[in-house]
Amino acid sequence: LSQLARLAYHIGRRRAIAAAYSIRLQGLKGLELPQVRTARQSAWHLYATRVDADRRDAFRRRLDDFGIGSQVHYRLLWEHKRFRTFYKSCPVAEREAGRVVSIPLYPAMTDVIVSQVIHAVRKAAQEVL
């Protein structure tokens, strides 16, 4: 509740960062950017890109070489211990789960950090993807 007063600022800052990523990362071979449907808005909790599954680990290692952290989202439901008994074949979810790489996006990011992330993603994509 203590951050509720800053919610509008946080969402606005996340949207500004996501817009910078979308503009400056577009057109990179092998890097698929997130899309927002027309007439919708995202709060941009994550900026989840997609790459070929066989290149994801190398891409993440290269980002790490540049000092940029990344995350793998999302684990499949049945990979969580509590839900293992619910396994059901979901080929699209299984395929996509191996492709997702989230890059840093948080309201306190400075424009300098945003530019550093963009530079690193561009370099890593050009070298690895």
Protein backbone atom coordinates (compact mmCIF):
# COMPACT_ATOMS: atom_id res chain seq x y z
CA LEU A 1 0.00 0.00 0.00
CA SER A 2 2.88 2.36 0.64
CA GLN A 3 3.70 2.51 -3.08
CA LEU A 4 0.13 3.01 -4.24
CA ALA A 5 0.64 6.78 -4.42
CA ARG A 6 3.50 6.19 -6.89
CA LEU A 7 1.66 3.67 -9.05
CA ALA A 8 0.88 6.07 -11.89
CA TYR A 9 4.51 7.22 -12.03
CA HIS A 10 5.82 3.64 -11.95
CA ILE A 11 3.53 2.50 -14.76
CA GLY A 12 4.35 5.61 -16.80
CA ARG A 13 8.08 5.05 -16.36
CA ARG A 14 7.76 1.36 -17.29
CA ARG A 15 5.81 2.33 -20.41
CA ALA A 16 8.48 4.87 -21.39
CA ILE A 17 11.24 2.27 -21.00
CA ALA A 18 9.25 -0.33 -22.95
CA ALA A 19 8.67 2.22 -25.73
CA ALA A 20 12.41 2.95 -25.89
CA TYR A 21 13.16 -0.77 -26.10
CA SER A 22 10.54 -1.33 -28.78
CA ILE A 23 11.86 1.51 -30.93
CA ARG A 24 15.58 0.88 -30.51
CA LEU A 25 15.49 -2.93 -30.64
CA GLN A 26 13.11 -3.34 -33.57
CA GLY A 27 14.39 -5.14 -36.63
CA LEU A 28 17.12 -7.16 -34.91
CA LYS A 29 17.43 -10.54 -36.58
CA GLY A 30 16.42 -13.35 -34.24
CA LEU A 31 14.91 -11.13 -31.55
CA GLU A 32 11.13 -11.03 -31.31
CA LEU A 33 9.77 -8.14 -29.29
CA PRO A 34 6.58 -8.20 -27.21
CA GLN A 35 3.48 -6.83 -28.87
CA VAL A 36 0.49 -5.10 -27.32
CA ARG A 37 -2.82 -5.50 -29.08
CA THR A 38 -4.47 -2.41 -30.50
CA ALA A 39 -6.73 -0.59 -28.03
CA ARG A 40 -4.90 -2.21 -25.10
CA GLN A 41 -2.28 -0.89 -22.72
CA SER A 42 0.30 -2.82 -20.79
CA ALA A 43 1.71 -1.94 -17.39
CA TRP A 44 4.94 -3.59 -18.60
CA HIS A 45 5.66 -5.66 -15.51
CA LEU A 46 8.09 -7.56 -17.76
CA TYR A 47 9.67 -6.94 -21.15
CA ALA A 48 9.71 -10.51 -22.40
CA THR A 49 11.50 -10.99 -25.71
CA ARG A 50 11.66 -14.26 -27.61
CA VAL A 51 14.61 -15.90 -29.31
CA ASP A 52 15.21 -19.32 -30.84
CA ALA A 53 15.33 -21.87 -28.03
CA ASP A 54 18.69 -23.23 -29.19
CA ARG A 55 20.21 -19.72 -28.94
CA ARG A 56 18.64 -18.56 -25.69
CA ASP A 57 21.38 -19.68 -23.30
CA ALA A 58 24.13 -18.19 -25.48
CA PHE A 59 22.19 -14.94 -25.77
CA ARG A 60 21.74 -14.76 -22.00
CA ARG A 61 25.43 -15.53 -21.40
CA ARG A 62 26.42 -12.73 -23.78
CA LEU A 63 24.12 -10.30 -22.00
CA ASP A 64 25.72 -11.38 -18.74
CA ASP A 65 29.16 -10.72 -20.27
CA PHE A 66 27.99 -7.13 -20.80
CA GLY A 67 26.77 -6.91 -17.19
CA ILE A 68 23.09 -7.12 -18.11
CA GLY A 69 20.93 -9.54 -16.18
CA SER A 70 18.11 -11.42 -17.84
CA GLN A 71 15.43 -13.81 -16.67
CA VAL A 72 13.73 -16.86 -18.06
CA HIS A 73 9.95 -16.62 -17.95
CA TYR A 74 7.79 -18.59 -17.68
CA ARG A 75 8.24 -22.01 -16.16
CA LEU A 76 5.58 -24.44 -17.22
CA LEU A 77 2.97 -25.11 -14.56
CA TRP A 78 3.85 -28.79 -14.20
CA GLU A 79 7.51 -27.90 -13.61
CA HIS A 80 6.48 -26.56 -10.21
CA LYS A 81 6.58 -29.31 -7.59
CA ARG A 82 3.02 -28.73 -6.39
CA PHE A 83 1.51 -29.08 -9.87
CA ARG A 84 3.48 -32.00 -11.34
CA THR A 85 0.44 -34.25 -11.26
CA PHE A 86 -1.41 -31.85 -13.59
CA TYR A 87 0.87 -32.47 -16.57
CA LYS A 88 -0.92 -32.35 -19.87
CA SER A 89 0.74 -31.93 -23.23
CA CYS A 90 0.70 -28.27 -24.27
CA PRO A 91 2.97 -28.05 -27.33
CA VAL A 92 2.66 -24.29 -27.84
CA ALA A 93 3.38 -23.51 -24.18
CA GLU A 94 6.29 -25.96 -24.21
CA ARG A 95 7.78 -24.40 -27.35
CA GLU A 96 7.38 -20.82 -26.15
CA ALA A 97 8.68 -21.51 -22.65
CA GLY A 98 12.05 -22.31 -24.20
CA ARG A 99 12.21 -19.02 -26.10
CA VAL A 100 11.41 -16.28 -23.58
CA VAL A 101 14.10 -13.94 -22.22
CA SER A 102 13.08 -10.98 -20.06
CA ILE A 103 15.39 -7.98 -20.03
CA PRO A 104 15.60 -5.42 -17.20
CA LEU A 105 12.64 -3.11 -16.78
CA TYR A 106 11.98 -1.30 -13.52
CA PRO A 107 10.83 2.23 -12.73
CA ALA A 108 14.10 3.35 -11.11
CA MET A 109 16.12 2.68 -14.27
CA THR A 110 17.88 5.81 -15.44
CA ASP A 111 18.03 6.71 -19.10
CA VAL A 112 21.74 5.82 -19.01
CA ILE A 113 20.96 2.30 -17.76
CA VAL A 114 18.21 1.92 -20.36
CA SER A 115 20.71 2.87 -23.08
CA GLN A 116 23.25 0.39 -21.68
CA VAL A 117 20.66 -2.39 -21.79
CA ILE A 118 19.72 -1.49 -25.37
CA HIS A 119 23.36 -1.43 -26.45
CA ALA A 120 24.05 -4.81 -24.84
CA VAL A 121 20.93 -6.43 -26.30
CA ARG A 122 21.78 -5.11 -29.77
CA LYS A 123 25.38 -6.40 -29.51
CA ALA A 124 24.36 -9.77 -28.10
CA ALA A 125 21.68 -10.24 -30.76
CA GLN A 126 24.09 -9.37 -33.55
CA GLU A 127 26.74 -11.74 -32.21
CA VAL A 128 24.63 -14.69 -31.12
CA LEU A 129 21.22 -14.72 -32.80
